[in-house]
C-alpha atoms as a PDB file:
ATOM      1  CA  MET A   1     167.675 226.116  23.818  1.00  0.00           C
ATOM      2  CA  ARG A   2     171.421 225.724  24.286  1.00  0.00           C
ATOM      3  CA  ILE A   3     173.195 224.629  21.210  1.00  0.00           C
ATOM      4  CA  THR A   4     176.228 222.477  22.001  1.00  0.00           C
ATOM      5  CA  GLN A   5     179.096 223.047  19.704  1.00  0.00           C
ATOM      6  CA  PRO A   6     180.782 219.863  18.618  1.00  0.00           C
ATOM      7  CA  GLY A   7     184.398 219.532  19.812  1.00  0.00           C
ATOM      8  CA  PRO A   8     187.274 219.007  17.512  1.00  0.00           C
ATOM      9  CA  PRO A   9     187.440 215.565  16.042  1.00  0.00           C
ATOM     10  CA  ARG A  10     189.595 213.125  18.025  1.00  0.00           C
ATOM     11  CA  THR A  11     192.583 212.097  16.045  1.00  0.00           C
ATOM     12  CA  GLU A  12     194.422 208.814  16.459  1.00  0.00           C
ATOM     13  CA  SER A  13     197.216 210.610  18.339  1.00  0.00           C
ATOM     14  CA  HIS A  14     194.662 212.168  20.700  1.00  0.00           C
ATOM     15  CA  VAL A  15     193.170 208.762  21.496  1.00  0.00           C
ATOM     16  CA  MET A  16     196.638 207.348  22.087  1.00  0.00           C
ATOM     17  CA  LEU A  17     197.439 210.173  24.543  1.00  0.00           C
ATOM     18  CA  ILE A  18     194.283 209.423  26.548  1.00  0.00           C
ATOM     19  CA  ARG A  19     195.181 205.739  26.670  1.00  0.00           C
ATOM     20  CA  THR A  20     198.757 206.530  27.731  1.00  0.00           C
ATOM     21  CA  LYS A  21     197.549 208.679  30.637  1.00  0.00           C
ATOM     22  CA  ALA A  22     195.196 205.930  31.776  1.00  0.00           C
ATOM     23  CA  ALA A  23     197.992 203.382  31.666  1.00  0.00           C
ATOM     24  CA  PHE A  24     200.245 205.715  33.667  1.00  0.00           C
ATOM     25  CA  VAL A  25     197.613 206.116  36.418  1.00  0.00           C
ATOM     26  CA  THR A  26     197.142 202.343  36.548  1.00  0.00           C
ATOM     27  CA  SER A  27     200.911 201.862  36.900  1.00  0.00           C
ATOM     28  CA  LEU A  28     201.073 204.299  39.805  1.00  0.00           C
ATOM     29  CA  ALA A  29     198.326 202.382  41.592  1.00  0.00           C
ATOM     30  CA  ALA A  30     200.187 199.122  41.070  1.00  0.00           C
ATOM     31  CA  ILE A  31     203.405 200.626  42.431  1.00  0.00           C
ATOM     32  CA  ALA A  32     201.563 201.882  45.515  1.00  0.00           C
ATOM     33  CA  VAL A  33     200.241 198.395  46.192  1.00  0.00           C
ATOM     34  CA  ALA A  34     203.648 196.825  45.634  1.00  0.00           C
ATOM     35  CA  VAL A  35     205.473 199.047  48.135  1.00  0.00           C
ATOM     36  CA  THR A  36     202.871 198.614  50.884  1.00  0.00           C
ATOM     37  CA  PRO A  37     204.348 195.907  53.195  1.00  0.00           C
ATOM     38  CA  PRO A  38     202.174 192.965  54.196  1.00  0.00           C
ATOM     39  CA  ALA A  39     201.296 192.555  57.859  1.00  0.00           C
ATOM     40  CA  ALA A  40     203.901 189.826  58.335  1.00  0.00           C
ATOM     41  CA  HIS A  41     206.669 192.094  57.087  1.00  0.00           C
ATOM     42  CA  SER A  42     205.513 194.893  59.367  1.00  0.00           C
ATOM     43  CA  GLN A  43     205.656 192.560  62.348  1.00  0.00           C
ATOM     44  CA  ALA A  44     209.136 191.419  61.435  1.00  0.00           C
ATOM     45  CA  THR A  45     210.298 195.006  61.169  1.00  0.00           C
ATOM     46  CA  THR A  46     208.806 195.745  64.589  1.00  0.00           C
ATOM     47  CA  ALA A  47     210.572 192.702  66.052  1.00  0.00           C
ATOM     48  CA  ARG A  48     213.913 193.864  64.667  1.00  0.00           C
ATOM     49  CA  ALA A  49     213.370 197.315  66.121  1.00  0.00           C
ATOM     50  CA  ALA A  50     212.642 195.940  69.596  1.00  0.00           C
ATOM     51  CA  SER A  51     215.377 195.742  72.202  1.00  0.00           C
ATOM     52  CA  CYS A  52     217.203 192.431  72.356  1.00  0.00           C
ATOM     53  CA  PRO A  53     216.479 190.386  75.481  1.00  0.00           C
ATOM     54  CA  LEU A  54     219.163 189.570  78.010  1.00  0.00           C
ATOM     55  CA  VAL A  55     220.380 186.006  77.529  1.00  0.00           C
ATOM     56  CA  PHE A  56     220.746 183.657  80.509  1.00  0.00           C
ATOM     57  CA  GLY A  57     222.867 180.572  79.880  1.00  0.00           C
ATOM     58  CA  HIS A  58     221.573 177.248  81.195  1.00  0.00           C
ATOM     59  CA  GLY A  59     223.212 173.814  81.151  1.00  0.00           C
ATOM     60  CA  GLY A  60     221.364 171.062  79.320  1.00  0.00           C
ATOM     61  CA  TYR A  61     220.050 168.052  81.257  1.00  0.00           C
ATOM     62  CA  PRO A  62     218.883 164.980  79.305  1.00  0.00           C
ATOM     63  CA  SER A  63     215.206 164.296  78.773  1.00  0.00           C
ATOM     64  CA  GLY A  64     213.613 160.859  78.644  1.00  0.00           C
ATOM     65  CA  PRO A  65     214.067 157.798  80.877  1.00  0.00           C
ATOM     66  CA  ASN A  66     217.055 157.450  83.231  1.00  0.00           C
ATOM     67  CA  PRO A  67     218.517 160.876  82.443  1.00  0.00           C
ATOM     68  CA  TRP A  68     221.093 160.581  85.231  1.00  0.00           C
ATOM     69  CA  GLU A  69     222.826 157.827  83.272  1.00  0.00           C
ATOM     70  CA  ARG A  70     223.403 160.189  80.340  1.00  0.00           C
ATOM     71  CA  ASP A  71     223.938 163.471  82.193  1.00  0.00           C
ATOM     72  CA  GLN A  72     227.281 165.050  81.284  1.00  0.00           C
ATOM     73  CA  ILE A  73     227.160 167.665  84.095  1.00  0.00           C
ATOM     74  CA  ARG A  74     226.905 170.652  81.760  1.00  0.00           C
ATOM     75  CA  GLN A  75     225.282 172.983  84.306  1.00  0.00           C
ATOM     76  CA  PRO A  76     227.348 176.161  84.922  1.00  0.00           C
ATOM     77  CA  ASN A  77     227.670 175.590  88.668  1.00  0.00           C
ATOM     78  CA  ASN A  78     231.453 175.819  88.538  1.00  0.00           C
ATOM     79  CA  VAL A  79     234.058 178.345  87.440  1.00  0.00           C
ATOM     80  CA  ARG A  80     234.731 176.834  84.026  1.00  0.00           C
ATOM     81  CA  GLY A  81     231.023 176.509  83.321  1.00  0.00           C
ATOM     82  CA  VAL A  82     230.419 180.172  84.177  1.00  0.00           C
ATOM     83  CA  ASN A  83     233.387 181.216  82.034  1.00  0.00           C
ATOM     84  CA  ASP A  84     232.036 179.214  79.096  1.00  0.00           C
ATOM     85  CA  GLN A  85     228.668 180.957  79.323  1.00  0.00           C
ATOM     86  CA  LYS A  86     230.418 184.322  79.317  1.00  0.00           C
ATOM     87  CA  ALA A  87     232.442 183.334  76.247  1.00  0.00           C
ATOM     88  CA  ARG A  88     229.264 182.194  74.474  1.00  0.00           C
ATOM     89  CA  GLY A  89     227.687 185.612  74.848  1.00  0.00           C
ATOM     90  CA  ALA A  90     225.526 185.219  77.951  1.00  0.00           C
ATOM     91  CA  ASP A  91     224.394 188.216  79.994  1.00  0.00           C
ATOM     92  CA  GLY A  92     223.513 186.015  82.952  1.00  0.00           C
ATOM     93  CA  VAL A  93     223.937 182.481  84.161  1.00  0.00           C
ATOM     94  CA  GLU A  94     221.623 180.074  85.977  1.00  0.00           C
ATOM     95  CA  GLY A  95     222.996 178.012  88.859  1.00  0.00           C
ATOM     96  CA  ASP A  96     221.468 175.312  91.059  1.00  0.00           C
ATOM     97  CA  LEU A  97     221.516 175.685  94.835  1.00  0.00           C
ATOM     98  CA  GLN A  98     221.461 172.673  97.157  1.00  0.00           C
ATOM     99  CA  LEU A  99     221.960 172.326 100.923  1.00  0.00           C
ATOM    100  CA  THR A 100     224.235 169.813 102.630  1.00  0.00           C
ATOM    101  CA  ARG A 101     223.361 167.893 105.784  1.00  0.00           C
ATOM    102  CA  HIS A 102     221.230 169.837 108.283  1.00  0.00           C
ATOM    103  CA  GLY A 103     221.419 172.865 105.989  1.00  0.00           C
ATOM    104  CA  THR A 104     224.967 173.637 107.085  1.00  0.00           C
ATOM    105  CA  LYS A 105     226.322 174.682 103.674  1.00  0.00           C
ATOM    106  CA  ALA A 106     224.711 176.113 100.546  1.00  0.00           C
ATOM    107  CA  VAL A 107     226.409 174.569  97.513  1.00  0.00           C
ATOM    108  CA  MET A 108     226.068 174.769  93.745  1.00  0.00           C
ATOM    109  CA  TRP A 109     225.040 171.389  92.361  1.00  0.00           C
ATOM    110  CA  HIS A 110     222.168 170.272  90.140  1.00  0.00           C
ATOM    111  CA  ASN A 111     221.595 166.606  90.942  1.00  0.00           C
ATOM    112  CA  THR A 112     219.836 165.152  93.975  1.00  0.00           C
ATOM    113  CA  SER A 113     222.782 162.868  94.589  1.00  0.00           C
ATOM    114  CA  THR A 114     226.504 162.956  93.933  1.00  0.00           C
ATOM    115  CA  ASN A 115     225.903 161.232  90.585  1.00  0.00           C
ATOM    116  CA  GLY A 116     228.564 162.702  88.319  1.00  0.00           C
ATOM    117  CA  LEU A 117     231.025 163.226  91.185  1.00  0.00           C
ATOM    118  CA  THR A 118     233.845 161.017  92.442  1.00  0.00           C
ATOM    119  CA  GLY A 119     233.243 158.852  95.502  1.00  0.00           C
ATOM    120  CA  THR A 120     230.342 156.754  96.702  1.00  0.00           C
ATOM    121  CA  ARG A 121     226.960 157.951  95.505  1.00  0.00           C
ATOM    122  CA  LYS A 122     224.955 159.663  98.234  1.00  0.00           C
ATOM    123  CA  ASN A 123     222.312 162.362  98.395  1.00  0.00           C
ATOM    124  CA  ILE A 124     223.685 165.868  98.833  1.00  0.00           C
ATOM    125  CA  THR A 125     221.434 166.364 101.860  1.00  0.00           C
ATOM    126  CA  ASP A 126     223.170 163.414 103.592  1.00  0.00           C
ATOM    127  CA  LEU A 127     226.712 164.777 103.221  1.00  0.00           C
ATOM    128  CA  TRP A 128     228.725 167.214 105.280  1.00  0.00           C
ATOM    129  CA  TRP A 129     230.563 169.915 103.371  1.00  0.00           C
ATOM    130  CA  ALA A 130     234.032 169.259 104.818  1.00  0.00           C
ATOM    131  CA  ALA A 131     233.709 166.650 107.585  1.00  0.00           C
ATOM    132  CA  GLY A 132     234.310 162.955 106.951  1.00  0.00           C
ATOM    133  CA  SER A 133     236.172 161.045 104.298  1.00  0.00           C
ATOM    134  CA  ASP A 134     233.227 161.197 101.882  1.00  0.00           C
ATOM    135  CA  ASN A 135     232.620 164.935 102.275  1.00  0.00           C
ATOM    136  CA  LEU A 136     231.394 167.023  99.361  1.00  0.00           C
ATOM    137  CA  ARG A 137     234.252 169.539  99.293  1.00  0.00           C
ATOM    138  CA  ASP A 138     236.883 166.975  98.292  1.00  0.00           C
ATOM    139  CA  ARG A 139     234.908 165.374  95.479  1.00  0.00           C
ATOM    140  CA  ARG A 140     235.432 166.247  91.829  1.00  0.00           C
ATOM    141  CA  ILE A 141     233.285 166.105  88.696  1.00  0.00           C
ATOM    142  CA  ALA A 142     233.937 162.728  87.114  1.00  0.00           C
ATOM    143  CA  ARG A 143     232.739 163.172  83.518  1.00  0.00           C
ATOM    144  CA  GLY A 144     231.741 165.648  80.857  1.00  0.00           C
ATOM    145  CA  PRO A 145     233.316 168.958  79.819  1.00  0.00           C
ATOM    146  CA  TYR A 146     233.996 170.037  83.406  1.00  0.00           C
ATOM    147  CA  ALA A 147     235.650 166.856  84.654  1.00  0.00           C
ATOM    148  CA  GLY A 148     238.053 167.649  87.490  1.00  0.00           C
ATOM    149  CA  GLU A 149     236.114 170.705  88.701  1.00  0.00           C
ATOM    150  CA  GLN A 150     235.079 170.926  92.328  1.00  0.00           C
ATOM    151  CA  VAL A 151     231.706 171.727  93.870  1.00  0.00           C
ATOM    152  CA  TYR A 152     231.502 175.418  94.821  1.00  0.00           C
ATOM    153  CA  THR A 153     229.791 177.056  97.750  1.00  0.00           C
ATOM    154  CA  LEU A 154     227.143 179.675  97.086  1.00  0.00           C
ATOM    155  CA  ARG A 155     229.492 182.454  98.190  1.00  0.00           C
ATOM    156  CA  GLN A 156     232.291 181.231  95.911  1.00  0.00           C
ATOM    157  CA  TRP A 157     229.957 180.944  92.950  1.00  0.00           C
ATOM    158  CA  LEU A 158     228.363 184.357  93.433  1.00  0.00           C
ATOM    159  CA  ASP A 159     231.772 185.997  93.723  1.00  0.00           C
ATOM    160  CA  HIS A 160     232.997 184.403  90.503  1.00  0.00           C
ATOM    161  CA  VAL A 161     229.822 185.301  88.622  1.00  0.00           C
ATOM    162  CA  ARG A 162     230.271 188.899  89.774  1.00  0.00           C
ATOM    163  CA  SER A 163     233.898 188.912  88.569  1.00  0.00           C
ATOM    164  CA  THR A 164     232.699 188.047  85.042  1.00  0.00           C
ATOM    165  CA  GLY A 165     230.041 190.777  85.008  1.00  0.00           C
ATOM    166  CA  LEU A 166     227.220 188.275  84.566  1.00  0.00           C
ATOM    167  CA  ILE A 167     223.839 188.366  86.297  1.00  0.00           C
ATOM    168  CA  ALA A 168     223.380 185.546  88.828  1.00  0.00           C
ATOM    169  CA  LEU A 169     220.154 183.539  88.607  1.00  0.00           C
ATOM    170  CA  LEU A 170     219.735 181.086  91.493  1.00  0.00           C
ATOM    171  CA  GLU A 171     217.342 178.160  91.430  1.00  0.00           C
ATOM    172  CA  VAL A 172     216.825 176.749  94.918  1.00  0.00           C
ATOM    173  CA  LYS A 173     216.295 173.049  94.220  1.00  0.00           C
ATOM    174  CA  PRO A 174     213.213 171.289  95.636  1.00  0.00           C
ATOM    175  CA  GLU A 175     215.439 168.881  97.604  1.00  0.00           C
ATOM    176  CA  ALA A 176     216.212 171.750 100.001  1.00  0.00           C
ATOM    177  CA  ARG A 177     212.616 171.969 101.200  1.00  0.00           C
ATOM    178  CA  ALA A 178     212.945 169.210 103.812  1.00  0.00           C
ATOM    179  CA  VAL A 179     215.606 171.020 105.802  1.00  0.00           C
ATOM    180  CA  LEU A 180     214.313 174.539 105.094  1.00  0.00           C
ATOM    181  CA  SER A 181     210.964 173.586 106.601  1.00  0.00           C
ATOM    182  CA  ASP A 182     212.387 171.636 109.563  1.00  0.00           C
ATOM    183  CA  PRO A 183     212.116 173.745 112.752  1.00  0.00           C
ATOM    184  CA  ALA A 184     215.324 172.163 114.053  1.00  0.00           C
ATOM    185  CA  TYR A 185     217.443 173.371 111.127  1.00  0.00           C
ATOM    186  CA  ALA A 186     215.445 176.014 109.251  1.00  0.00           C
ATOM    187  CA  THR A 187     217.174 179.036 110.806  1.00  0.00           C
ATOM    188  CA  THR A 188     220.642 177.803 109.917  1.00  0.00           C
ATOM    189  CA  ALA A 189     219.573 176.616 106.478  1.00  0.00           C
ATOM    190  CA  TRP A 190     217.893 179.886 105.483  1.00  0.00           C
ATOM    191  CA  LYS A 191     220.905 181.888 106.683  1.00  0.00           C
ATOM    192  CA  GLU A 192     223.092 179.795 104.381  1.00  0.00           C
ATOM    193  CA  ILE A 193     220.962 180.923 101.457  1.00  0.00           C
ATOM    194  CA  SER A 194     219.990 184.451 102.441  1.00  0.00           C
ATOM    195  CA  ASP A 195     223.162 185.838 104.021  1.00  0.00           C
ATOM    196  CA  PRO A 196     225.399 185.468 100.928  1.00  0.00           C
ATOM    197  CA  ILE A 197     222.680 187.081  98.813  1.00  0.00           C
ATOM    198  CA  LYS A 198     222.131 190.000 101.179  1.00  0.00           C
ATOM    199  CA  GLU A 199     225.866 190.582 101.501  1.00  0.00           C
ATOM    200  CA  ARG A 200     226.190 191.058  97.736  1.00  0.00           C
ATOM    201  CA  GLN A 201     222.877 192.337  96.390  1.00  0.00           C
ATOM    202  CA  SER A 202     223.873 196.013  96.613  1.00  0.00           C
ATOM    203  CA  SER A 203     226.825 195.452  94.272  1.00  0.00           C
ATOM    204  CA  GLN A 204     225.640 192.503  92.196  1.00  0.00           C
ATOM    205  CA  ARG A 205     222.424 191.721  90.384  1.00  0.00           C
ATOM    206  CA  ILE A 206     220.995 188.478  91.771  1.00  0.00           C
ATOM    207  CA  LEU A 207     217.679 186.804  90.918  1.00  0.00           C
ATOM    208  CA  VAL A 208     216.150 183.870  92.816  1.00  0.00           C
ATOM    209  CA  TYR A 209     213.394 181.333  92.230  1.00  0.00           C
ATOM    210  CA  SER A 210     212.343 177.760  92.922  1.00  0.00           C
ATOM    211  CA  LEU A 211     210.125 175.235  91.180  1.00  0.00           C
ATOM    212  CA  ASP A 212     208.958 174.142  94.619  1.00  0.00           C
ATOM    213  CA  SER A 213     205.891 176.239  95.479  1.00  0.00           C
ATOM    214  CA  TRP A 214     206.620 176.365  99.222  1.00  0.00           C
ATOM    215  CA  ILE A 215     210.227 177.499  98.725  1.00  0.00           C
ATOM    216  CA  GLN A 216     209.067 180.037  96.119  1.00  0.00           C
ATOM    217  CA  ALA A 217     206.584 181.504  98.606  1.00  0.00           C
ATOM    218  CA  GLU A 218     209.324 181.764 101.237  1.00  0.00           C
ATOM    219  CA  LEU A 219     211.658 183.463  98.760  1.00  0.00           C
ATOM    220  CA  ALA A 220     208.888 185.964  98.010  1.00  0.00           C
ATOM    221  CA  THR A 221     208.821 186.863 101.706  1.00  0.00           C
ATOM    222  CA  ARG A 222     212.567 186.846 102.327  1.00  0.00           C
ATOM    223  CA  HIS A 223     213.797 188.308  99.016  1.00  0.00           C
ATOM    224  CA  PRO A 224     210.772 190.009  97.414  1.00  0.00           C
ATOM    225  CA  GLY A 225     212.835 192.362  95.260  1.00  0.00           C
ATOM    226  CA  LEU A 226     214.950 189.566  93.811  1.00  0.00           C
ATOM    227  CA  LEU A 227     212.324 187.153  92.561  1.00  0.00           C
ATOM    228  CA  LYS A 228     212.859 185.978  88.993  1.00  0.00           C
ATOM    229  CA  GLY A 229     209.214 186.575  88.073  1.00  0.00           C
ATOM    230  CA  SER A 230     208.923 186.934  84.300  1.00  0.00           C
ATOM    231  CA  GLU A 231     212.688 187.335  83.862  1.00  0.00           C
ATOM    232  CA  ALA A 232     214.737 184.700  82.019  1.00  0.00           C
ATOM    233  CA  ARG A 233     211.787 183.228  80.157  1.00  0.00           C
ATOM    234  CA  TRP A 234     212.482 179.765  78.782  1.00  0.00           C
ATOM    235  CA  THR A 235     212.813 180.010  75.012  1.00  0.00           C
ATOM    236  CA  ASP A 236     213.967 176.602  73.701  1.00  0.00           C
ATOM    237  CA  SER A 237     211.668 173.959  72.241  1.00  0.00           C
ATOM    238  CA  VAL A 238     214.247 171.238  71.544  1.00  0.00           C
ATOM    239  CA  SER A 239     214.584 168.696  74.365  1.00  0.00           C
ATOM    240  CA  TRP A 240     218.185 168.214  75.458  1.00  0.00           C
ATOM    241  CA  THR A 241     219.855 164.915  74.658  1.00  0.00           C
ATOM    242  CA  GLU A 242     223.374 163.537  74.791  1.00  0.00           C
ATOM    243  CA  PRO A 243     225.268 164.097  72.602  1.00  0.00           C
ATOM    244  CA  PRO A 244     223.850 167.640  72.297  1.00  0.00           C
ATOM    245  CA  PRO A 245     221.049 168.079  69.746  1.00  0.00           C
ATOM    246  CA  SER A 246     221.041 170.564  66.879  1.00  0.00           C
ATOM    247  CA  TRP A 247     219.842 174.051  67.764  1.00  0.00           C
ATOM    248  CA  ASN A 248     217.932 174.501  64.490  1.00  0.00           C
ATOM    249  CA  GLY A 249     214.709 173.012  65.777  1.00  0.00           C
ATOM    250  CA  ASN A 250     214.382 175.923  68.196  1.00  0.00           C
ATOM    251  CA  VAL A 251     214.009 178.672  65.605  1.00  0.00           C
ATOM    252  CA  SER A 252     210.221 178.701  65.397  1.00  0.00           C
ATOM    253  CA  ARG A 253     209.896 178.925  69.182  1.00  0.00           C
ATOM    254  CA  TRP A 254     212.675 181.511  69.413  1.00  0.00           C
ATOM    255  CA  GLN A 255     210.782 183.671  66.916  1.00  0.00           C
ATOM    256  CA  GLU A 256     207.517 183.252  68.806  1.00  0.00           C
ATOM    257  CA  VAL A 257     209.041 184.283  72.135  1.00  0.00           C
ATOM    258  CA  LEU A 258     211.054 187.164  70.676  1.00  0.00           C
ATOM    259  CA  ALA A 259     207.900 188.600  69.075  1.00  0.00           C
ATOM    260  CA  GLN A 260     206.521 189.005  72.591  1.00  0.00           C
ATOM    261  CA  ALA A 261     209.441 191.318  73.478  1.00  0.00           C
ATOM    262  CA  PRO A 262     210.678 189.525  76.632  1.00  0.00           C
ATOM    263  CA  LYS A 263     213.167 191.344  78.868  1.00  0.00           C
ATOM    264  CA  SER A 264     215.306 188.232  79.129  1.00  0.00           C
ATOM    265  CA  VAL A 265     215.341 184.606  78.061  1.00  0.00           C
ATOM    266  CA  MET A 266     217.016 181.389  79.184  1.00  0.00           C
ATOM    267  CA  THR A 267     218.488 178.871  76.757  1.00  0.00           C
ATOM    268  CA  ASN A 268     220.645 175.758  76.554  1.00  0.00           C
ATOM    269  CA  PHE A 269     222.046 177.059  73.244  1.00  0.00           C
ATOM    270  CA  THR A 270     223.668 180.302  74.358  1.00  0.00           C
ATOM    271  CA  ARG A 271     226.150 180.790  71.507  1.00  0.00           C
ATOM    272  CA  GLU A 272     223.675 179.816  68.795  1.00  0.00           C
ATOM    273  CA  TYR A 273     220.895 181.944  70.243  1.00  0.00           C
ATOM    274  CA  ARG A 274     223.169 184.983  70.521  1.00  0.00           C
ATOM    275  CA  ALA A 275     224.207 184.582  66.877  1.00  0.00           C
ATOM    276  CA  TRP A 276     220.558 184.117  65.832  1.00  0.00           C
ATOM    277  CA  LEU A 277     219.608 187.386  67.543  1.00  0.00           C
ATOM    278  CA  THR A 278     221.967 189.327  65.290  1.00  0.00           C
ATOM    279  CA  GLY A 279     219.781 191.484  63.042  1.00  0.00           C
ATOM    280  CA  ALA A 280     216.582 190.266  64.708  1.00  0.00           C
ATOM    281  CA  CYS A 281     216.485 193.017  67.332  1.00  0.00           C
ATOM    282  CA  GLY A 282     218.327 196.152  68.338  1.00  0.00           C
END
């Protein structure tokens, strides 16, 4: 039989020491829990560490009924518009490509008609570039921040965008489909679009796309390496109005898109988005 010797009696100070050690261990455990970041914080840190997307500036066009009555021609299809996007912190700029009568000139203009320009209102596809008293070349923007500016040809616009160091993003407007698909004019019309691009693509970054599915398919054949694809992803959630709306309503959507680490985004709020990115990515 083993006889167990009784240990020394526990004094009050001994008991207090044991309790102090236990409290110390509990405190360490609490500290460990406190410094472990929650999942949301970890995701935010990851987002900040990600590379910032390139920012493509876009000009706002009113939503809702009769937008052409409220349109202030804010699209950067002219020199001053491109310069403004550069000053606001854009890396690239989106322009709108239209074709004049019989596809004889590729021009930079957003609207189907000359709404927003001086002179009698007519569709762009019904006008000659330089011929006639109502030609497109001699018209000027009649309202908005770029009043007095002219309509630029595709070549002029691309050259100015290149001079600013911005990336050119071309949207071929759906109105061009009629002439681009017409056997009588298609060759001339496509040359007006493709030749200026091919002449510059070795020294200038140019992206192309169209919301018209037929034109988009043709662009994929003619300019496969230049398709926009997933570039310049739309990031705003606030619908444009006139006067311009506040940018603040976009923040939730901006955060959602940025968390997906896009290579580039497109926004109507270039300056505000660029400022918002500060500290959100690297």
